[in-house]
Amino acid sequence: MYVTYVHGVPEDWTGKARVRHYTSPDLIRWKFQSTLGISEENVIDACVYRLPNGTFRMWFKQWNHTYAADSKDLYNWQPIGPVHWKT
């Protein structure tokens, strides 16, 4: 599971936010794995999808923009940059 972690209770959007990775064998007991190093700060709203080639893509928000990162194992993420949506 990937969750947004914000320390404390911020009153505005200026606090530091990170995406953290947790795993669970039973969805009851959770083990912290890591804080993702996909960006320096203010990363929120991670969404992960397995691509047809078997790798994983994560989309996330930072400063009102959407970015992406790729992973082969769900533990090591490589940022690929901003996402430009086609309509």
N, C-alpha and C. Protein backbone atom coordinates (compact mmCIF):
# COMPACT_ATOMS: atom_id res chain seq x y z
N MET A 1 0.85 -1.16 0.00
CA MET A 1 0.00 0.00 0.00
C MET A 1 0.90 1.23 0.00
N TYR A 2 0.48 2.23 -0.74
CA TYR A 2 1.19 3.50 -0.78
C TYR A 2 0.26 4.57 -0.22
N VAL A 3 0.72 5.27 0.79
CA VAL A 3 -0.11 6.28 1.44
C VAL A 3 0.64 7.61 1.53
N THR A 4 -0.12 8.68 1.53
CA THR A 4 0.46 10.00 1.75
C THR A 4 0.64 10.19 3.25
N TYR A 5 1.83 10.60 3.65
CA TYR A 5 2.12 10.86 5.06
C TYR A 5 2.42 12.34 5.23
N VAL A 6 1.68 12.98 6.11
CA VAL A 6 1.93 14.37 6.48
C VAL A 6 2.07 14.41 7.99
N HIS A 7 3.17 14.94 8.48
CA HIS A 7 3.40 15.02 9.91
C HIS A 7 2.49 16.09 10.53
N GLY A 8 1.80 15.71 11.58
CA GLY A 8 0.95 16.68 12.27
C GLY A 8 -0.37 16.90 11.55
N VAL A 9 -0.98 18.03 11.87
CA VAL A 9 -2.25 18.41 11.26
C VAL A 9 -2.07 19.79 10.64
N PRO A 10 -1.72 19.83 9.36
CA PRO A 10 -1.46 21.13 8.74
C PRO A 10 -2.73 21.95 8.57
N GLU A 11 -2.59 23.26 8.64
CA GLU A 11 -3.71 24.16 8.45
C GLU A 11 -3.81 24.65 7.01
N ASP A 12 -2.79 24.38 6.21
CA ASP A 12 -2.81 24.76 4.80
C ASP A 12 -1.99 23.73 4.02
N TRP A 13 -1.70 24.02 2.76
CA TRP A 13 -1.00 23.07 1.88
C TRP A 13 0.51 23.25 1.88
N THR A 14 1.07 23.95 2.86
CA THR A 14 2.51 24.22 2.84
C THR A 14 3.32 23.17 3.59
N GLY A 15 2.71 22.21 4.24
CA GLY A 15 3.44 21.18 4.98
C GLY A 15 4.13 20.20 4.06
N LYS A 16 5.08 19.47 4.60
CA LYS A 16 5.78 18.46 3.81
C LYS A 16 4.97 17.17 3.77
N ALA A 17 4.81 16.63 2.59
CA ALA A 17 4.08 15.38 2.41
C ALA A 17 4.97 14.40 1.65
N ARG A 18 4.90 13.14 2.04
CA ARG A 18 5.69 12.09 1.40
C ARG A 18 4.78 10.90 1.13
N VAL A 19 5.19 10.05 0.19
CA VAL A 19 4.50 8.80 -0.05
C VAL A 19 5.28 7.70 0.65
N ARG A 20 4.57 6.92 1.48
CA ARG A 20 5.21 5.81 2.21
C ARG A 20 4.64 4.49 1.72
N HIS A 21 5.50 3.48 1.74
CA HIS A 21 5.15 2.14 1.27
C HIS A 21 5.03 1.20 2.46
N TYR A 22 3.89 0.50 2.54
CA TYR A 22 3.64 -0.49 3.59
C TYR A 22 3.23 -1.80 2.92
N THR A 23 3.56 -2.92 3.56
CA THR A 23 3.12 -4.23 3.09
C THR A 23 2.41 -4.96 4.22
N SER A 24 1.56 -5.91 3.84
CA SER A 24 0.82 -6.68 4.83
C SER A 24 0.54 -8.08 4.29
N PRO A 25 0.71 -9.09 5.15
CA PRO A 25 0.37 -10.45 4.72
C PRO A 25 -1.13 -10.74 4.82
N ASP A 26 -1.87 -9.90 5.58
CA ASP A 26 -3.26 -10.21 5.87
C ASP A 26 -4.19 -8.99 5.90
N LEU A 27 -3.70 -7.85 5.55
CA LEU A 27 -4.44 -6.58 5.56
C LEU A 27 -4.83 -6.12 6.97
N ILE A 28 -4.23 -6.74 7.99
CA ILE A 28 -4.44 -6.33 9.38
C ILE A 28 -3.13 -5.81 9.96
N ARG A 29 -2.07 -6.58 9.80
CA ARG A 29 -0.74 -6.19 10.30
C ARG A 29 0.04 -5.56 9.15
N TRP A 30 0.49 -4.32 9.34
CA TRP A 30 1.19 -3.58 8.29
C TRP A 30 2.63 -3.33 8.70
N LYS A 31 3.54 -3.49 7.75
CA LYS A 31 4.96 -3.26 7.98
C LYS A 31 5.43 -2.11 7.10
N PHE A 32 6.04 -1.11 7.72
CA PHE A 32 6.61 0.01 6.96
C PHE A 32 7.80 -0.49 6.15
N GLN A 33 7.81 -0.17 4.86
CA GLN A 33 8.92 -0.56 3.99
C GLN A 33 9.87 0.60 3.71
N SER A 34 9.30 1.73 3.28
CA SER A 34 10.16 2.86 2.95
C SER A 34 9.35 4.11 2.70
N THR A 35 10.05 5.24 2.72
CA THR A 35 9.50 6.49 2.22
C THR A 35 10.06 6.64 0.81
N LEU A 36 9.20 6.75 -0.16
CA LEU A 36 9.66 6.78 -1.54
C LEU A 36 10.47 8.03 -1.83
N GLY A 37 11.54 7.86 -2.57
CA GLY A 37 12.42 8.95 -2.95
C GLY A 37 12.11 9.46 -4.34
N ILE A 38 10.83 9.51 -4.70
CA ILE A 38 10.46 9.92 -6.06
C ILE A 38 10.53 11.42 -6.26
N SER A 39 10.56 12.17 -5.18
CA SER A 39 10.67 13.62 -5.26
C SER A 39 11.05 14.15 -3.89
N GLU A 40 11.52 15.36 -3.84
CA GLU A 40 12.00 15.94 -2.59
C GLU A 40 10.91 16.16 -1.54
N GLU A 41 9.78 16.71 -1.94
CA GLU A 41 8.73 17.00 -0.96
C GLU A 41 7.39 17.22 -1.63
N ASN A 42 6.37 17.26 -0.79
CA ASN A 42 5.00 17.55 -1.20
C ASN A 42 4.49 16.63 -2.30
N VAL A 43 4.65 15.34 -2.08
CA VAL A 43 4.16 14.32 -3.00
C VAL A 43 2.93 13.68 -2.37
N ILE A 44 1.82 13.67 -3.11
CA ILE A 44 0.57 13.13 -2.57
C ILE A 44 -0.14 12.26 -3.62
N ASP A 45 -1.14 11.54 -3.16
CA ASP A 45 -2.11 10.86 -4.01
C ASP A 45 -1.51 9.86 -5.00
N ALA A 46 -0.73 8.91 -4.50
CA ALA A 46 -0.14 7.90 -5.36
C ALA A 46 -1.19 6.93 -5.89
N CYS A 47 -1.04 6.58 -7.14
CA CYS A 47 -1.90 5.59 -7.79
C CYS A 47 -0.98 4.67 -8.59
N VAL A 48 -1.12 3.35 -8.42
CA VAL A 48 -0.23 2.39 -9.07
C VAL A 48 -1.02 1.48 -10.00
N TYR A 49 -0.43 1.21 -11.18
CA TYR A 49 -1.06 0.35 -12.18
C TYR A 49 0.00 -0.53 -12.82
N ARG A 50 -0.32 -1.80 -13.01
CA ARG A 50 0.62 -2.70 -13.69
C ARG A 50 0.45 -2.53 -15.20
N LEU A 51 1.54 -2.21 -15.88
CA LEU A 51 1.52 -1.99 -17.32
C LEU A 51 1.54 -3.33 -18.06
N PRO A 52 1.14 -3.35 -19.33
CA PRO A 52 1.11 -4.60 -20.09
C PRO A 52 2.47 -5.32 -20.16
N ASN A 53 3.57 -4.58 -20.05
CA ASN A 53 4.90 -5.20 -20.11
C ASN A 53 5.34 -5.78 -18.76
N GLY A 54 4.48 -5.70 -17.74
CA GLY A 54 4.79 -6.28 -16.44
C GLY A 54 5.39 -5.32 -15.43
N THR A 55 5.84 -4.15 -15.87
CA THR A 55 6.36 -3.16 -14.93
C THR A 55 5.19 -2.39 -14.32
N PHE A 56 5.50 -1.59 -13.33
CA PHE A 56 4.47 -0.82 -12.64
C PHE A 56 4.68 0.67 -12.87
N ARG A 57 3.59 1.39 -13.00
CA ARG A 57 3.66 2.84 -13.14
C ARG A 57 2.91 3.46 -11.97
N MET A 58 3.52 4.46 -11.36
CA MET A 58 2.88 5.22 -10.30
C MET A 58 2.69 6.65 -10.79
N TRP A 59 1.49 7.14 -10.62
CA TRP A 59 1.21 8.55 -10.86
C TRP A 59 1.05 9.21 -9.51
N PHE A 60 1.50 10.42 -9.37
CA PHE A 60 1.38 11.14 -8.11
C PHE A 60 1.31 12.63 -8.38
N LYS A 61 0.79 13.34 -7.41
CA LYS A 61 0.65 14.79 -7.53
C LYS A 61 1.75 15.49 -6.75
N GLN A 62 2.23 16.59 -7.32
CA GLN A 62 3.18 17.46 -6.65
C GLN A 62 2.93 18.87 -7.16
N TRP A 63 2.61 19.77 -6.22
CA TRP A 63 2.36 21.17 -6.56
C TRP A 63 1.36 21.31 -7.72
N ASN A 64 0.25 20.62 -7.63
CA ASN A 64 -0.83 20.71 -8.62
C ASN A 64 -0.46 20.20 -10.00
N HIS A 65 0.57 19.39 -10.11
CA HIS A 65 0.95 18.76 -11.36
C HIS A 65 1.01 17.25 -11.14
N THR A 66 0.81 16.49 -12.20
CA THR A 66 0.89 15.04 -12.12
C THR A 66 2.22 14.57 -12.69
N TYR A 67 2.88 13.69 -11.94
CA TYR A 67 4.16 13.11 -12.35
C TYR A 67 4.03 11.59 -12.34
N ALA A 68 5.02 10.91 -12.90
CA ALA A 68 5.00 9.45 -12.93
C ALA A 68 6.36 8.90 -12.57
N ALA A 69 6.34 7.65 -12.10
CA ALA A 69 7.56 6.90 -11.81
C ALA A 69 7.29 5.45 -12.18
N ASP A 70 8.34 4.71 -12.56
CA ASP A 70 8.21 3.31 -12.94
C ASP A 70 9.01 2.42 -12.02
N SER A 71 8.53 1.17 -11.88
CA SER A 71 9.20 0.19 -11.02
C SER A 71 9.03 -1.21 -11.60
N LYS A 72 10.04 -2.04 -11.42
CA LYS A 72 9.94 -3.44 -11.81
C LYS A 72 9.48 -4.31 -10.64
N ASP A 73 9.66 -3.81 -9.39
CA ASP A 73 9.42 -4.66 -8.22
C ASP A 73 8.56 -4.02 -7.13
N LEU A 74 8.01 -2.85 -7.34
CA LEU A 74 7.19 -2.11 -6.38
C LEU A 74 7.99 -1.56 -5.19
N TYR A 75 9.31 -1.72 -5.19
CA TYR A 75 10.15 -1.22 -4.10
C TYR A 75 11.09 -0.12 -4.59
N ASN A 76 11.59 -0.26 -5.79
CA ASN A 76 12.54 0.70 -6.35
C ASN A 76 11.86 1.47 -7.47
N TRP A 77 11.71 2.76 -7.28
CA TRP A 77 10.98 3.60 -8.22
C TRP A 77 11.92 4.58 -8.90
N GLN A 78 11.75 4.72 -10.21
CA GLN A 78 12.54 5.66 -11.00
C GLN A 78 11.60 6.73 -11.56
N PRO A 79 11.75 7.98 -11.12
CA PRO A 79 10.90 9.05 -11.66
C PRO A 79 11.09 9.18 -13.17
N ILE A 80 9.99 9.39 -13.89
CA ILE A 80 10.09 9.58 -15.34
C ILE A 80 9.64 10.97 -15.76
N GLY A 81 9.18 11.77 -14.81
CA GLY A 81 8.87 13.16 -15.10
C GLY A 81 7.39 13.48 -15.13
N PRO A 82 7.07 14.70 -15.59
CA PRO A 82 5.68 15.14 -15.61
C PRO A 82 4.86 14.38 -16.64
N VAL A 83 3.58 14.28 -16.37
CA VAL A 83 2.65 13.60 -17.27
C VAL A 83 1.90 14.67 -18.05
N HIS A 84 1.84 14.48 -19.35
CA HIS A 84 1.08 15.39 -20.21
C HIS A 84 -0.10 14.61 -20.75
N TRP A 85 -1.27 14.91 -20.23
CA TRP A 85 -2.47 14.16 -20.59
C TRP A 85 -2.95 14.56 -21.98
N LYS A 86 -3.34 13.55 -22.74
CA LYS A 86 -3.91 13.79 -24.06
C LYS A 86 -5.43 13.67 -23.96
N THR A 87 -6.13 14.57 -24.62
CA THR A 87 -7.59 14.51 -24.57
C THR A 87 -8.14 14.13 -25.92
